[in-house]
Amino acid sequence: MGLVAPSGAGKTLLLRSIVLLDPVQEGQIAFQGKPLRDWHLPSLRRQMVYLPQRATAFPGTVQDNLQQALQLKVNQAQGSGLAQDDAKQWRANSRILHWLQQLGRGQDFLQLQAQQLSGGETQILALLRALQIDPQVLLLDEPTASLDAETTDKVETLLQDWLQAGNRAFLLTSHDQQQIQRFTTRTLDLTELRP
């Protein structure tokens, strides 16, 4: 689903509220039929991952950043879908290498210093970090804003493949109306919800 509205209308606030980074001001949000307040917060955020407009990279290499996500307790829990050995001794698994190839990047991308990446490269890092934990929902806030048109197409293809691989969904904000039309099957115009 694409979220459509002018700047400042609340798209980012809605995405952040869905994962309880900002309080829900009115109404109630439920996930899998259960109100958000009834969820264990780390479990909720493992299943619904928010990717902000300005992605963050931590000190170290791209690989270090990918490993850090797997080292979180919630991602090592039984039934999370992630092998505990992968979190302890991460290696460039075939999924990461496949995604890098789809995005036009080689394995050498893993050894780049994460805090020296361009804005677009940091968005790619954030996307890989999210996808590797197998969330059910991605909340994508301008995920390709810093990318060139060719890389944007590659990201969209990768996300379409991700959607088709399971019971998954995403909410996308973008100021690119063509991207919303091309990449989403439904839209929600937040300006229509205002009283």
N, C-alpha and C. Protein backbone atom coordinates (compact mmCIF):
# COMPACT_ATOMS: atom_id res chain seq x y z
N MET A 1 0.85 -1.18 0.00
CA MET A 1 0.00 0.00 0.00
C MET A 1 0.88 1.23 0.00
N GLY A 2 0.51 2.20 -0.78
CA GLY A 2 1.20 3.48 -0.81
C GLY A 2 0.46 4.51 0.03
N LEU A 3 1.19 5.24 0.83
CA LEU A 3 0.62 6.35 1.60
C LEU A 3 0.90 7.63 0.83
N VAL A 4 -0.17 8.37 0.53
CA VAL A 4 -0.06 9.57 -0.30
C VAL A 4 -0.54 10.76 0.50
N ALA A 5 0.23 11.85 0.45
CA ALA A 5 -0.15 13.11 1.07
C ALA A 5 1.00 14.08 0.88
N PRO A 6 0.72 15.38 0.95
CA PRO A 6 1.81 16.36 0.85
C PRO A 6 2.75 16.25 2.05
N SER A 7 3.91 16.86 1.92
CA SER A 7 4.86 16.90 3.04
C SER A 7 4.19 17.50 4.27
N GLY A 8 4.47 16.91 5.41
CA GLY A 8 3.93 17.42 6.67
C GLY A 8 2.54 16.94 7.01
N ALA A 9 1.97 16.07 6.21
CA ALA A 9 0.59 15.61 6.43
C ALA A 9 0.51 14.42 7.38
N GLY A 10 1.64 13.82 7.76
CA GLY A 10 1.60 12.76 8.76
C GLY A 10 1.97 11.37 8.28
N LYS A 11 2.54 11.24 7.09
CA LYS A 11 2.90 9.91 6.59
C LYS A 11 3.95 9.25 7.50
N THR A 12 5.02 9.98 7.77
CA THR A 12 6.08 9.44 8.62
C THR A 12 5.56 9.18 10.03
N LEU A 13 4.77 10.08 10.56
CA LEU A 13 4.21 9.90 11.89
C LEU A 13 3.36 8.64 11.97
N LEU A 14 2.59 8.37 10.93
CA LEU A 14 1.78 7.15 10.91
C LEU A 14 2.67 5.91 10.94
N LEU A 15 3.68 5.88 10.09
CA LEU A 15 4.58 4.72 10.07
C LEU A 15 5.26 4.53 11.42
N ARG A 16 5.74 5.61 12.01
CA ARG A 16 6.41 5.53 13.32
C ARG A 16 5.43 5.10 14.42
N SER A 17 4.19 5.52 14.32
CA SER A 17 3.18 5.14 15.31
C SER A 17 2.84 3.65 15.22
N ILE A 18 2.89 3.11 14.01
CA ILE A 18 2.57 1.69 13.83
C ILE A 18 3.55 0.80 14.59
N VAL A 19 4.80 1.24 14.72
CA VAL A 19 5.79 0.44 15.48
C VAL A 19 6.07 1.07 16.85
N LEU A 20 5.18 1.93 17.29
CA LEU A 20 5.21 2.54 18.62
C LEU A 20 6.47 3.35 18.90
N LEU A 21 7.03 3.98 17.85
CA LEU A 21 8.11 4.93 18.06
C LEU A 21 7.54 6.29 18.44
N ASP A 22 6.31 6.55 18.04
CA ASP A 22 5.55 7.73 18.44
C ASP A 22 4.21 7.24 18.97
N PRO A 23 3.64 7.95 19.95
CA PRO A 23 2.37 7.48 20.50
C PRO A 23 1.22 7.62 19.50
N VAL A 24 0.31 6.68 19.58
CA VAL A 24 -0.91 6.76 18.78
C VAL A 24 -1.79 7.80 19.45
N GLN A 25 -2.11 8.87 18.72
CA GLN A 25 -2.84 9.98 19.32
C GLN A 25 -4.34 9.73 19.41
N GLU A 26 -4.84 8.95 18.48
CA GLU A 26 -6.27 8.72 18.46
C GLU A 26 -6.54 7.39 17.78
N GLY A 27 -7.50 6.66 18.25
CA GLY A 27 -7.84 5.39 17.65
C GLY A 27 -6.96 4.26 18.17
N GLN A 28 -7.00 3.17 17.46
CA GLN A 28 -6.25 1.99 17.89
C GLN A 28 -5.69 1.29 16.66
N ILE A 29 -4.49 0.77 16.79
CA ILE A 29 -3.85 0.01 15.72
C ILE A 29 -3.69 -1.42 16.21
N ALA A 30 -4.05 -2.37 15.35
CA ALA A 30 -3.90 -3.79 15.68
C ALA A 30 -3.05 -4.46 14.61
N PHE A 31 -2.33 -5.48 15.02
CA PHE A 31 -1.53 -6.29 14.12
C PHE A 31 -1.86 -7.75 14.40
N GLN A 32 -2.20 -8.48 13.36
CA GLN A 32 -2.63 -9.87 13.48
C GLN A 32 -3.77 -10.01 14.48
N GLY A 33 -4.68 -9.04 14.45
CA GLY A 33 -5.88 -9.07 15.28
C GLY A 33 -5.65 -8.72 16.74
N LYS A 34 -4.46 -8.28 17.09
CA LYS A 34 -4.13 -7.98 18.49
C LYS A 34 -3.69 -6.52 18.58
N PRO A 35 -4.27 -5.75 19.53
CA PRO A 35 -3.85 -4.35 19.69
C PRO A 35 -2.35 -4.26 19.94
N LEU A 36 -1.74 -3.21 19.40
CA LEU A 36 -0.29 -3.06 19.55
C LEU A 36 0.16 -3.06 21.01
N ARG A 37 -0.65 -2.49 21.89
CA ARG A 37 -0.26 -2.42 23.31
C ARG A 37 -0.14 -3.80 23.94
N ASP A 38 -0.73 -4.83 23.32
CA ASP A 38 -0.66 -6.19 23.85
C ASP A 38 0.54 -6.97 23.32
N TRP A 39 1.30 -6.37 22.43
CA TRP A 39 2.47 -7.04 21.86
C TRP A 39 3.70 -6.81 22.73
N HIS A 40 4.59 -7.78 22.78
CA HIS A 40 5.92 -7.60 23.34
C HIS A 40 6.66 -6.76 22.30
N LEU A 41 7.11 -5.58 22.69
CA LEU A 41 7.63 -4.60 21.73
C LEU A 41 8.74 -5.14 20.83
N PRO A 42 9.76 -5.82 21.35
CA PRO A 42 10.78 -6.35 20.44
C PRO A 42 10.20 -7.35 19.42
N SER A 43 9.24 -8.15 19.82
CA SER A 43 8.62 -9.10 18.88
C SER A 43 7.85 -8.36 17.79
N LEU A 44 7.14 -7.32 18.18
CA LEU A 44 6.40 -6.51 17.20
C LEU A 44 7.36 -5.90 16.20
N ARG A 45 8.45 -5.31 16.69
CA ARG A 45 9.39 -4.62 15.81
C ARG A 45 10.24 -5.59 14.98
N ARG A 46 10.25 -6.84 15.35
CA ARG A 46 10.92 -7.84 14.52
C ARG A 46 10.03 -8.23 13.35
N GLN A 47 8.73 -8.24 13.60
CA GLN A 47 7.79 -8.61 12.54
C GLN A 47 7.39 -7.44 11.65
N MET A 48 7.45 -6.23 12.19
CA MET A 48 7.14 -5.02 11.43
C MET A 48 8.34 -4.09 11.54
N VAL A 49 9.10 -3.98 10.47
CA VAL A 49 10.33 -3.19 10.49
C VAL A 49 10.10 -1.85 9.80
N TYR A 50 10.49 -0.80 10.50
CA TYR A 50 10.38 0.57 9.98
C TYR A 50 11.74 0.99 9.40
N LEU A 51 11.74 1.41 8.14
CA LEU A 51 12.94 1.95 7.51
C LEU A 51 12.74 3.45 7.31
N PRO A 52 13.46 4.26 8.07
CA PRO A 52 13.27 5.71 7.99
C PRO A 52 13.83 6.31 6.72
N GLN A 53 13.43 7.56 6.44
CA GLN A 53 13.92 8.27 5.27
C GLN A 53 15.44 8.38 5.28
N ARG A 54 15.97 8.70 6.43
CA ARG A 54 17.42 8.82 6.59
C ARG A 54 17.92 7.63 7.40
N ALA A 55 18.36 6.63 6.69
CA ALA A 55 18.81 5.40 7.34
C ALA A 55 20.07 5.67 8.16
N THR A 56 20.26 4.86 9.18
CA THR A 56 21.40 4.99 10.08
C THR A 56 22.36 3.84 9.87
N ALA A 57 23.65 4.18 9.86
CA ALA A 57 24.70 3.16 9.82
C ALA A 57 25.49 3.27 11.11
N PHE A 58 25.86 2.15 11.66
CA PHE A 58 26.64 2.10 12.89
C PHE A 58 28.12 1.97 12.54
N PRO A 59 29.03 2.27 13.47
CA PRO A 59 30.46 2.13 13.18
C PRO A 59 30.79 0.71 12.74
N GLY A 60 31.76 0.61 11.87
CA GLY A 60 32.19 -0.68 11.35
C GLY A 60 31.82 -0.83 9.89
N THR A 61 31.97 -2.03 9.39
CA THR A 61 31.68 -2.31 7.99
C THR A 61 30.20 -2.57 7.78
N VAL A 62 29.83 -2.68 6.52
CA VAL A 62 28.45 -3.07 6.18
C VAL A 62 28.17 -4.43 6.81
N GLN A 63 29.11 -5.36 6.70
CA GLN A 63 28.92 -6.68 7.29
C GLN A 63 28.70 -6.59 8.80
N ASP A 64 29.48 -5.74 9.48
CA ASP A 64 29.29 -5.55 10.92
C ASP A 64 27.87 -5.09 11.22
N ASN A 65 27.36 -4.17 10.40
CA ASN A 65 26.00 -3.66 10.59
C ASN A 65 24.97 -4.76 10.40
N LEU A 66 25.18 -5.62 9.42
CA LEU A 66 24.25 -6.73 9.20
C LEU A 66 24.30 -7.71 10.36
N GLN A 67 25.48 -7.96 10.88
CA GLN A 67 25.64 -8.88 12.01
C GLN A 67 24.94 -8.35 13.26
N GLN A 68 25.04 -7.05 13.49
CA GLN A 68 24.44 -6.47 14.70
C GLN A 68 22.95 -6.76 14.79
N ALA A 69 22.26 -6.71 13.67
CA ALA A 69 20.82 -6.99 13.70
C ALA A 69 20.54 -8.42 14.13
N LEU A 70 21.38 -9.34 13.72
CA LEU A 70 21.17 -10.75 14.08
C LEU A 70 21.56 -11.05 15.52
N GLN A 71 22.34 -10.18 16.13
CA GLN A 71 22.78 -10.41 17.50
C GLN A 71 21.76 -9.96 18.54
N LEU A 72 20.72 -9.28 18.12
CA LEU A 72 19.67 -8.89 19.06
C LEU A 72 18.95 -10.14 19.57
N LYS A 73 18.66 -10.16 20.86
CA LYS A 73 18.02 -11.34 21.47
C LYS A 73 16.77 -11.79 20.74
N VAL A 74 15.94 -10.83 20.35
CA VAL A 74 14.66 -11.18 19.71
C VAL A 74 14.90 -11.92 18.39
N ASN A 75 16.02 -11.66 17.73
CA ASN A 75 16.33 -12.33 16.48
C ASN A 75 17.01 -13.67 16.68
N GLN A 76 17.39 -13.98 17.91
CA GLN A 76 18.00 -15.26 18.21
C GLN A 76 17.02 -16.20 18.89
N ALA A 77 15.82 -15.70 19.19
CA ALA A 77 14.83 -16.49 19.92
C ALA A 77 14.37 -17.68 19.09
N GLN A 78 13.98 -18.70 19.80
CA GLN A 78 13.44 -19.90 19.15
C GLN A 78 12.24 -19.52 18.30
N GLY A 79 12.22 -20.02 17.09
CA GLY A 79 11.07 -19.75 16.23
C GLY A 79 11.16 -18.46 15.46
N SER A 80 12.28 -17.73 15.59
CA SER A 80 12.39 -16.47 14.86
C SER A 80 12.69 -16.67 13.40
N GLY A 81 13.06 -17.91 13.02
CA GLY A 81 13.39 -18.16 11.63
C GLY A 81 14.86 -17.95 11.33
N LEU A 82 15.62 -17.49 12.32
CA LEU A 82 17.04 -17.25 12.14
C LEU A 82 17.84 -18.27 12.93
N ALA A 83 18.82 -18.82 12.31
CA ALA A 83 19.67 -19.79 13.00
C ALA A 83 20.55 -19.05 14.01
N GLN A 84 20.60 -19.57 15.23
CA GLN A 84 21.42 -18.92 16.26
C GLN A 84 22.88 -18.88 15.85
N ASP A 85 23.37 -19.89 15.15
CA ASP A 85 24.76 -19.90 14.71
C ASP A 85 25.04 -18.74 13.76
N ASP A 86 24.05 -18.37 12.95
CA ASP A 86 24.25 -17.26 12.02
C ASP A 86 24.46 -15.96 12.76
N ALA A 87 23.80 -15.78 13.90
CA ALA A 87 23.96 -14.57 14.68
C ALA A 87 25.33 -14.52 15.35
N LYS A 88 25.82 -15.67 15.79
CA LYS A 88 27.10 -15.71 16.49
C LYS A 88 28.27 -15.65 15.52
N GLN A 89 28.17 -16.32 14.43
CA GLN A 89 29.27 -16.36 13.47
C GLN A 89 28.70 -16.09 12.08
N TRP A 90 28.45 -14.82 11.81
CA TRP A 90 27.81 -14.41 10.57
C TRP A 90 28.75 -14.63 9.39
N ARG A 91 28.18 -15.02 8.32
CA ARG A 91 28.95 -15.12 7.08
C ARG A 91 28.06 -14.57 5.97
N ALA A 92 28.69 -14.25 4.89
CA ALA A 92 27.93 -13.71 3.76
C ALA A 92 27.11 -14.83 3.16
N ASN A 93 25.92 -15.03 3.70
CA ASN A 93 25.09 -16.13 3.24
C ASN A 93 24.55 -15.88 1.84
N SER A 94 24.01 -16.91 1.25
CA SER A 94 23.59 -16.83 -0.14
C SER A 94 22.48 -15.80 -0.36
N ARG A 95 21.61 -15.59 0.64
CA ARG A 95 20.55 -14.59 0.47
C ARG A 95 21.15 -13.19 0.34
N ILE A 96 22.06 -12.84 1.25
CA ILE A 96 22.68 -11.51 1.20
C ILE A 96 23.41 -11.33 -0.12
N LEU A 97 24.18 -12.33 -0.52
CA LEU A 97 24.92 -12.22 -1.78
C LEU A 97 23.98 -12.10 -2.97
N HIS A 98 22.87 -12.84 -2.93
CA HIS A 98 21.88 -12.75 -4.01
C HIS A 98 21.27 -11.35 -4.06
N TRP A 99 20.90 -10.82 -2.89
CA TRP A 99 20.32 -9.48 -2.85
C TRP A 99 21.32 -8.44 -3.34
N LEU A 100 22.57 -8.56 -2.92
CA LEU A 100 23.59 -7.63 -3.39
C LEU A 100 23.71 -7.68 -4.91
N GLN A 101 23.69 -8.88 -5.45
CA GLN A 101 23.77 -9.04 -6.90
C GLN A 101 22.56 -8.38 -7.58
N GLN A 102 21.37 -8.61 -7.01
CA GLN A 102 20.16 -7.99 -7.57
C GLN A 102 20.25 -6.47 -7.55
N LEU A 103 20.95 -5.93 -6.55
CA LEU A 103 21.07 -4.48 -6.42
C LEU A 103 22.28 -3.91 -7.14
N GLY A 104 22.98 -4.77 -7.89
CA GLY A 104 24.12 -4.30 -8.66
C GLY A 104 25.37 -4.05 -7.82
N ARG A 105 25.47 -4.73 -6.70
CA ARG A 105 26.62 -4.59 -5.81
C ARG A 105 27.33 -5.93 -5.69
N GLY A 106 28.63 -5.89 -5.52
CA GLY A 106 29.40 -7.11 -5.32
C GLY A 106 29.61 -7.40 -3.85
N GLN A 107 30.26 -8.51 -3.58
CA GLN A 107 30.54 -8.91 -2.19
C GLN A 107 31.44 -7.89 -1.49
N ASP A 108 32.22 -7.12 -2.25
CA ASP A 108 33.10 -6.11 -1.66
C ASP A 108 32.30 -5.02 -0.94
N PHE A 109 31.02 -4.87 -1.28
CA PHE A 109 30.16 -3.89 -0.59
C PHE A 109 30.12 -4.18 0.91
N LEU A 110 30.22 -5.46 1.29
CA LEU A 110 30.16 -5.86 2.70
C LEU A 110 31.33 -5.31 3.50
N GLN A 111 32.45 -5.02 2.85
CA GLN A 111 33.64 -4.56 3.56
C GLN A 111 33.78 -3.04 3.60
N LEU A 112 32.85 -2.32 2.99
CA LEU A 112 32.88 -0.86 3.04
C LEU A 112 32.58 -0.38 4.45
N GLN A 113 33.20 0.74 4.83
CA GLN A 113 32.92 1.34 6.13
C GLN A 113 31.52 1.97 6.07
N ALA A 114 30.66 1.51 6.92
CA ALA A 114 29.24 1.88 6.85
C ALA A 114 29.00 3.37 7.03
N GLN A 115 29.75 4.01 7.91
CA GLN A 115 29.51 5.43 8.15
C GLN A 115 30.08 6.32 7.05
N GLN A 116 30.75 5.73 6.07
CA GLN A 116 31.27 6.50 4.94
C GLN A 116 30.45 6.27 3.67
N LEU A 117 29.36 5.52 3.78
CA LEU A 117 28.51 5.25 2.63
C LEU A 117 27.76 6.51 2.22
N SER A 118 27.40 6.59 0.97
CA SER A 118 26.53 7.67 0.51
C SER A 118 25.13 7.46 1.09
N GLY A 119 24.27 8.44 0.93
CA GLY A 119 22.89 8.29 1.41
C GLY A 119 22.18 7.11 0.78
N GLY A 120 22.37 6.93 -0.53
CA GLY A 120 21.73 5.81 -1.23
C GLY A 120 22.29 4.47 -0.78
N GLU A 121 23.61 4.40 -0.60
CA GLU A 121 24.22 3.14 -0.13
C GLU A 121 23.75 2.81 1.28
N THR A 122 23.54 3.83 2.10
CA THR A 122 23.04 3.60 3.46
C THR A 122 21.60 3.09 3.41
N GLN A 123 20.81 3.56 2.44
CA GLN A 123 19.46 3.03 2.28
C GLN A 123 19.51 1.56 1.89
N ILE A 124 20.45 1.18 1.04
CA ILE A 124 20.62 -0.23 0.66
C ILE A 124 21.01 -1.05 1.88
N LEU A 125 21.95 -0.56 2.68
CA LEU A 125 22.34 -1.25 3.90
C LEU A 125 21.14 -1.47 4.81
N ALA A 126 20.35 -0.43 5.03
CA ALA A 126 19.19 -0.53 5.92
C ALA A 126 18.19 -1.56 5.40
N LEU A 127 17.98 -1.59 4.09
CA LEU A 127 17.06 -2.55 3.50
C LEU A 127 17.57 -3.98 3.72
N LEU A 128 18.84 -4.22 3.46
CA LEU A 128 19.41 -5.56 3.67
C LEU A 128 19.31 -5.97 5.13
N ARG A 129 19.59 -5.04 6.02
CA ARG A 129 19.54 -5.31 7.47
C ARG A 129 18.13 -5.73 7.87
N ALA A 130 17.14 -5.09 7.28
CA ALA A 130 15.74 -5.43 7.59
C ALA A 130 15.34 -6.76 6.97
N LEU A 131 15.65 -6.96 5.70
CA LEU A 131 15.21 -8.17 5.01
C LEU A 131 15.78 -9.44 5.61
N GLN A 132 17.01 -9.38 6.12
CA GLN A 132 17.65 -10.60 6.62
C GLN A 132 16.96 -11.17 7.85
N ILE A 133 16.15 -10.37 8.56
CA ILE A 133 15.46 -10.91 9.73
C ILE A 133 14.06 -11.42 9.40
N ASP A 134 13.71 -11.41 8.11
CA ASP A 134 12.44 -11.95 7.63
C ASP A 134 11.21 -11.34 8.29
N PRO A 135 11.05 -10.02 8.21
CA PRO A 135 9.83 -9.43 8.79
C PRO A 135 8.62 -9.80 7.97
N GLN A 136 7.45 -9.61 8.56
CA GLN A 136 6.21 -9.84 7.82
C GLN A 136 5.76 -8.55 7.12
N VAL A 137 6.09 -7.40 7.73
CA VAL A 137 5.68 -6.11 7.19
C VAL A 137 6.88 -5.17 7.17
N LEU A 138 7.04 -4.46 6.07
CA LEU A 138 8.03 -3.39 5.98
C LEU A 138 7.30 -2.06 5.91
N LEU A 139 7.74 -1.12 6.72
CA LEU A 139 7.21 0.24 6.70
C LEU A 139 8.29 1.11 6.06
N LEU A 140 8.11 1.45 4.80
CA LEU A 140 9.15 2.06 3.98
C LEU A 140 8.89 3.55 3.81
N ASP A 141 9.70 4.37 4.44
CA ASP A 141 9.55 5.82 4.40
C ASP A 141 10.55 6.40 3.39
N GLU A 142 10.08 6.64 2.18
CA GLU A 142 10.93 7.17 1.11
C GLU A 142 12.18 6.30 0.91
N PRO A 143 12.02 4.98 0.71
CA PRO A 143 13.17 4.08 0.71
C PRO A 143 14.13 4.24 -0.47
N THR A 144 13.71 4.95 -1.50
CA THR A 144 14.58 5.11 -2.67
C THR A 144 14.88 6.58 -2.96
N ALA A 145 14.61 7.46 -2.01
CA ALA A 145 14.76 8.89 -2.24
C ALA A 145 16.18 9.29 -2.62
N SER A 146 17.18 8.56 -2.14
CA SER A 146 18.58 8.90 -2.41
C SER A 146 19.20 8.03 -3.50
N LEU A 147 18.38 7.28 -4.20
CA LEU A 147 18.90 6.34 -5.20
C LEU A 147 18.64 6.85 -6.62
N ASP A 148 19.52 6.48 -7.53
CA ASP A 148 19.32 6.79 -8.94
C ASP A 148 18.20 5.90 -9.48
N ALA A 149 17.72 6.23 -10.68
CA ALA A 149 16.57 5.53 -11.25
C ALA A 149 16.85 4.04 -11.47
N GLU A 150 18.05 3.70 -11.92
CA GLU A 150 18.38 2.30 -12.17
C GLU A 150 18.38 1.49 -10.87
N THR A 151 18.97 2.04 -9.81
CA THR A 151 19.00 1.32 -8.52
C THR A 151 17.61 1.27 -7.91
N THR A 152 16.82 2.31 -8.10
CA THR A 152 15.43 2.30 -7.63
C THR A 152 14.67 1.14 -8.26
N ASP A 153 14.83 0.95 -9.56
CA ASP A 153 14.18 -0.19 -10.24
C ASP A 153 14.63 -1.51 -9.63
N LYS A 154 15.91 -1.63 -9.31
CA LYS A 154 16.43 -2.86 -8.73
C LYS A 154 15.87 -3.09 -7.33
N VAL A 155 15.74 -2.03 -6.55
CA VAL A 155 15.16 -2.15 -5.21
C VAL A 155 13.70 -2.58 -5.32
N GLU A 156 12.96 -1.99 -6.23
CA GLU A 156 11.56 -2.36 -6.42
C GLU A 156 11.43 -3.83 -6.82
N THR A 157 12.30 -4.30 -7.71
CA THR A 157 12.27 -5.71 -8.12
C THR A 157 12.57 -6.62 -6.94
N LEU A 158 13.58 -6.26 -6.16
CA LEU A 158 13.93 -7.06 -4.98
C LEU A 158 12.76 -7.12 -4.00
N LEU A 159 12.10 -5.99 -3.78
CA LEU A 159 10.97 -5.96 -2.86
C LEU A 159 9.77 -6.74 -3.41
N GLN A 160 9.56 -6.72 -4.70
CA GLN A 160 8.49 -7.54 -5.29
C GLN A 160 8.78 -9.02 -5.07
N ASP A 161 10.04 -9.42 -5.26
CA ASP A 161 10.43 -10.82 -5.00
C ASP A 161 10.19 -11.17 -3.53
N TRP A 162 10.55 -10.25 -2.64
CA TRP A 162 10.36 -10.47 -1.20
C TRP A 162 8.87 -10.65 -0.89
N LEU A 163 8.02 -9.81 -1.47
CA LEU A 163 6.57 -9.92 -1.24
C LEU A 163 6.04 -11.28 -1.68
N GLN A 164 6.48 -11.75 -2.82
CA GLN A 164 5.96 -12.99 -3.39
C GLN A 164 6.46 -14.23 -2.67
N ALA A 165 7.47 -14.08 -1.82
CA ALA A 165 8.07 -15.24 -1.15
C ALA A 165 7.32 -15.65 0.12
N GLY A 166 6.25 -14.96 0.47
CA GLY A 166 5.52 -15.33 1.68
C GLY A 166 4.34 -14.42 1.93
N ASN A 167 3.74 -14.58 3.09
CA ASN A 167 2.61 -13.75 3.51
C ASN A 167 3.17 -12.44 4.06
N ARG A 168 3.40 -11.49 3.16
CA ARG A 168 4.10 -10.26 3.52
C ARG A 168 3.38 -9.05 2.95
N ALA A 169 3.74 -7.89 3.51
CA ALA A 169 3.14 -6.64 3.05
C ALA A 169 4.10 -5.49 3.32
N PHE A 170 3.84 -4.36 2.67
CA PHE A 170 4.59 -3.15 2.98
C PHE A 170 3.69 -1.94 2.86
N LEU A 171 4.04 -0.91 3.62
CA LEU A 171 3.46 0.43 3.47
C LEU A 171 4.60 1.29 2.97
N LEU A 172 4.35 2.08 1.94
CA LEU A 172 5.39 2.87 1.28
C LEU A 172 4.96 4.32 1.21
N THR A 173 5.87 5.22 1.62
CA THR A 173 5.67 6.64 1.34
C THR A 173 6.65 7.02 0.24
N SER A 174 6.21 7.87 -0.65
CA SER A 174 7.07 8.36 -1.72
C SER A 174 6.45 9.62 -2.30
N HIS A 175 7.31 10.57 -2.63
CA HIS A 175 6.81 11.76 -3.32
C HIS A 175 6.81 11.55 -4.83
N ASP A 176 7.25 10.38 -5.26
CA ASP A 176 7.26 10.01 -6.67
C ASP A 176 5.94 9.30 -6.99
N GLN A 177 5.00 10.04 -7.57
CA GLN A 177 3.69 9.49 -7.87
C GLN A 177 3.77 8.31 -8.84
N GLN A 178 4.73 8.34 -9.75
CA GLN A 178 4.90 7.23 -10.68
C GLN A 178 5.31 5.97 -9.92
N GLN A 179 6.15 6.13 -8.90
CA GLN A 179 6.55 4.97 -8.10
C GLN A 179 5.35 4.40 -7.36
N ILE A 180 4.54 5.25 -6.79
CA ILE A 180 3.33 4.78 -6.08
C ILE A 180 2.44 4.00 -7.05
N GLN A 181 2.21 4.54 -8.23
CA GLN A 181 1.35 3.86 -9.21
C GLN A 181 1.96 2.56 -9.72
N ARG A 182 3.26 2.57 -9.91
CA ARG A 182 3.96 1.42 -10.48
C ARG A 182 4.15 0.30 -9.46
N PHE A 183 4.35 0.66 -8.22
CA PHE A 183 4.87 -0.29 -7.24
C PHE A 183 3.86 -0.72 -6.17
N THR A 184 2.74 -0.05 -6.08
CA THR A 184 1.75 -0.42 -5.06
C THR A 184 0.45 -0.84 -5.74
N THR A 185 -0.33 -1.64 -5.03
CA THR A 185 -1.62 -2.07 -5.58
C THR A 185 -2.78 -1.29 -4.99
N ARG A 186 -2.52 -0.61 -3.87
CA ARG A 186 -3.54 0.21 -3.23
C ARG A 186 -2.89 1.47 -2.70
N THR A 187 -3.68 2.54 -2.57
CA THR A 187 -3.15 3.77 -1.98
C THR A 187 -4.12 4.26 -0.92
N LEU A 188 -3.55 4.96 0.04
CA LEU A 188 -4.32 5.61 1.07
C LEU A 188 -3.89 7.07 1.08
N ASP A 189 -4.82 7.97 0.75
CA ASP A 189 -4.54 9.39 0.75
C ASP A 189 -4.89 9.96 2.13
N LEU A 190 -3.87 10.32 2.87
CA LEU A 190 -4.10 10.79 4.25
C LEU A 190 -4.87 12.09 4.28
N THR A 191 -4.84 12.90 3.23
CA THR A 191 -5.59 14.15 3.24
C THR A 191 -7.09 13.89 3.21
N GLU A 192 -7.50 12.74 2.70
CA GLU A 192 -8.93 12.40 2.67
C GLU A 192 -9.46 11.99 4.02
N LEU A 193 -8.57 11.69 4.97
CA LEU A 193 -8.98 11.25 6.30
C LEU A 193 -9.16 12.40 7.28
N ARG A 194 -8.72 13.58 6.90
CA ARG A 194 -8.84 14.73 7.80
C ARG A 194 -10.28 15.20 7.85
N PRO A 195 -10.72 15.65 9.04
CA PRO A 195 -12.10 16.15 9.17
C PRO A 195 -12.30 17.46 8.44
